[in-house]
Amino acid sequence: MKHGVNLMATLQKIASTAKVLTVGSSVGIVLTKEILAHLKVQKGDTLYISNTPDGIKLTPYDPEFAAQMEAGRRVMRKHRDVLRRLAQ
């Protein structure tokens, strides 16, 4: 996994449980300081959640945006000379 963390693997390494709590009319889980540090996030940051064959993945990086950026990098590599001439 390039970015993000497999939540189940991290919970097994860092903490054995996560508590599900009521937050207003919703529910949430409490992430320990160790998990927040591992994800490099803090209170108020957005986490993206996706399903993987191994379980749930939490990441501070938007997977859709990352895919768009990679597509842009491929185009820039492929057409480097044309882009250089256009920039002149």
C-alpha atoms as a PDB file:
ATOM      1  CA  MET A   1       0.000   0.000   0.000  1.00  0.00           C
ATOM      2  CA  LYS A   2       1.687   3.202  -1.159  1.00  0.00           C
ATOM      3  CA  HIS A   3      -0.307   5.707   0.907  1.00  0.00           C
ATOM      4  CA  GLY A   4      -2.698   5.118   3.749  1.00  0.00           C
ATOM      5  CA  VAL A   5      -2.893   2.309   6.157  1.00  0.00           C
ATOM      6  CA  ASN A   6      -4.742  -0.954   6.458  1.00  0.00           C
ATOM      7  CA  LEU A   7      -6.819  -0.164   9.531  1.00  0.00           C
ATOM      8  CA  MET A   8      -7.059  -3.762  10.731  1.00  0.00           C
ATOM      9  CA  ALA A   9      -3.290  -4.357  10.519  1.00  0.00           C
ATOM     10  CA  THR A  10      -2.556  -1.071  12.295  1.00  0.00           C
ATOM     11  CA  LEU A  11      -5.085  -1.714  15.042  1.00  0.00           C
ATOM     12  CA  GLN A  12      -3.525  -5.120  15.658  1.00  0.00           C
ATOM     13  CA  LYS A  13      -0.044  -3.561  15.914  1.00  0.00           C
ATOM     14  CA  ILE A  14      -0.892  -0.361  17.811  1.00  0.00           C
ATOM     15  CA  ALA A  15      -4.134  -0.992  19.697  1.00  0.00           C
ATOM     16  CA  SER A  16      -6.300  -4.033  20.147  1.00  0.00           C
ATOM     17  CA  THR A  17      -9.660  -2.239  20.025  1.00  0.00           C
ATOM     18  CA  ALA A  18     -11.413   0.851  18.707  1.00  0.00           C
ATOM     19  CA  LYS A  19     -14.515   2.132  20.465  1.00  0.00           C
ATOM     20  CA  VAL A  20     -17.618   3.072  18.453  1.00  0.00           C
ATOM     21  CA  LEU A  21     -19.226   6.141  20.015  1.00  0.00           C
ATOM     22  CA  THR A  22     -22.301   8.271  19.443  1.00  0.00           C
ATOM     23  CA  VAL A  23     -21.408  11.652  17.938  1.00  0.00           C
ATOM     24  CA  GLY A  24     -24.568  13.744  17.717  1.00  0.00           C
ATOM     25  CA  SER A  25     -26.990  11.724  15.625  1.00  0.00           C
ATOM     26  CA  SER A  26     -24.146   9.755  13.994  1.00  0.00           C
ATOM     27  CA  VAL A  27     -21.527   7.301  15.205  1.00  0.00           C
ATOM     28  CA  GLY A  28     -17.758   7.486  15.060  1.00  0.00           C
ATOM     29  CA  ILE A  29     -14.624   5.696  16.160  1.00  0.00           C
ATOM     30  CA  VAL A  30     -11.832   7.010  18.327  1.00  0.00           C
ATOM     31  CA  LEU A  31      -8.359   6.852  16.789  1.00  0.00           C
ATOM     32  CA  THR A  32      -5.411   6.784  19.159  1.00  0.00           C
ATOM     33  CA  LYS A  33      -2.546   9.257  18.966  1.00  0.00           C
ATOM     34  CA  GLU A  34      -0.391   6.479  17.509  1.00  0.00           C
ATOM     35  CA  ILE A  35      -2.812   5.857  14.647  1.00  0.00           C
ATOM     36  CA  LEU A  36      -3.139   9.600  13.961  1.00  0.00           C
ATOM     37  CA  ALA A  37       0.652   9.900  13.908  1.00  0.00           C
ATOM     38  CA  HIS A  38       0.934   6.893  11.587  1.00  0.00           C
ATOM     39  CA  LEU A  39      -1.584   8.475   9.196  1.00  0.00           C
ATOM     40  CA  LYS A  40       0.076  11.899   9.649  1.00  0.00           C
ATOM     41  CA  VAL A  41      -3.283  13.563  10.327  1.00  0.00           C
ATOM     42  CA  GLN A  42      -4.745  15.668  13.074  1.00  0.00           C
ATOM     43  CA  LYS A  43      -8.161  16.719  14.314  1.00  0.00           C
ATOM     44  CA  GLY A  44     -10.190  18.245  11.484  1.00  0.00           C
ATOM     45  CA  ASP A  45      -8.351  16.486   8.620  1.00  0.00           C
ATOM     46  CA  THR A  46     -10.312  14.427   6.103  1.00  0.00           C
ATOM     47  CA  LEU A  47      -9.728  10.685   5.800  1.00  0.00           C
ATOM     48  CA  TYR A  48     -10.784   8.709   2.736  1.00  0.00           C
ATOM     49  CA  ILE A  49     -12.189   5.240   3.318  1.00  0.00           C
ATOM     50  CA  SER A  50     -12.114   2.472   0.724  1.00  0.00           C
ATOM     51  CA  ASN A  51     -12.671  -1.272   0.666  1.00  0.00           C
ATOM     52  CA  THR A  52      -9.759  -3.516  -0.235  1.00  0.00           C
ATOM     53  CA  PRO A  53      -9.441  -7.300  -0.433  1.00  0.00           C
ATOM     54  CA  ASP A  54      -7.666  -7.124   2.959  1.00  0.00           C
ATOM     55  CA  GLY A  55     -10.283  -4.939   4.686  1.00  0.00           C
ATOM     56  CA  ILE A  56     -10.899  -1.231   5.042  1.00  0.00           C
ATOM     57  CA  LYS A  57      -8.239   1.298   4.064  1.00  0.00           C
ATOM     58  CA  LEU A  58      -8.019   4.745   5.684  1.00  0.00           C
ATOM     59  CA  THR A  59      -5.881   7.323   3.928  1.00  0.00           C
ATOM     60  CA  PRO A  60      -5.474  11.102   4.079  1.00  0.00           C
ATOM     61  CA  TYR A  61      -4.989  11.071   0.293  1.00  0.00           C
ATOM     62  CA  ASP A  62      -7.911  11.250  -2.136  1.00  0.00           C
ATOM     63  CA  PRO A  63      -7.438   8.141  -4.335  1.00  0.00           C
ATOM     64  CA  GLU A  64      -9.352   9.728  -7.243  1.00  0.00           C
ATOM     65  CA  PHE A  65      -7.171  12.854  -7.161  1.00  0.00           C
ATOM     66  CA  ALA A  66      -4.029  10.704  -6.947  1.00  0.00           C
ATOM     67  CA  ALA A  67      -5.132   8.751 -10.048  1.00  0.00           C
ATOM     68  CA  GLN A  68      -5.750  12.010 -11.948  1.00  0.00           C
ATOM     69  CA  MET A  69      -2.310  13.325 -10.969  1.00  0.00           C
ATOM     70  CA  GLU A  70      -0.651  10.103 -12.130  1.00  0.00           C
ATOM     71  CA  ALA A  71      -2.471  10.344 -15.479  1.00  0.00           C
ATOM     72  CA  GLY A  72      -1.197  13.930 -15.825  1.00  0.00           C
ATOM     73  CA  ARG A  73       2.370  12.828 -15.052  1.00  0.00           C
ATOM     74  CA  ARG A  74       2.164  10.118 -17.735  1.00  0.00           C
ATOM     75  CA  VAL A  75       0.997  12.687 -20.319  1.00  0.00           C
ATOM     76  CA  MET A  76       3.778  15.102 -19.316  1.00  0.00           C
ATOM     77  CA  ARG A  77       6.426  12.368 -19.618  1.00  0.00           C
ATOM     78  CA  LYS A  78       5.116  11.180 -22.964  1.00  0.00           C
ATOM     79  CA  HIS A  79       4.788  14.660 -24.493  1.00  0.00           C
ATOM     80  CA  ARG A  80       7.696  16.367 -22.724  1.00  0.00           C
ATOM     81  CA  ASP A  81       9.162  17.883 -25.908  1.00  0.00           C
ATOM     82  CA  VAL A  82       5.841  19.278 -27.137  1.00  0.00           C
ATOM     83  CA  LEU A  83       5.079  20.811 -23.733  1.00  0.00           C
ATOM     84  CA  ARG A  84       8.566  22.346 -23.577  1.00  0.00           C
ATOM     85  CA  ARG A  85       8.055  24.009 -26.998  1.00  0.00           C
ATOM     86  CA  LEU A  86       4.614  25.285 -26.002  1.00  0.00           C
ATOM     87  CA  ALA A  87       6.103  26.870 -22.881  1.00  0.00           C
ATOM     88  CA  GLN A  88       8.543  28.979 -24.941  1.00  0.00           C
END
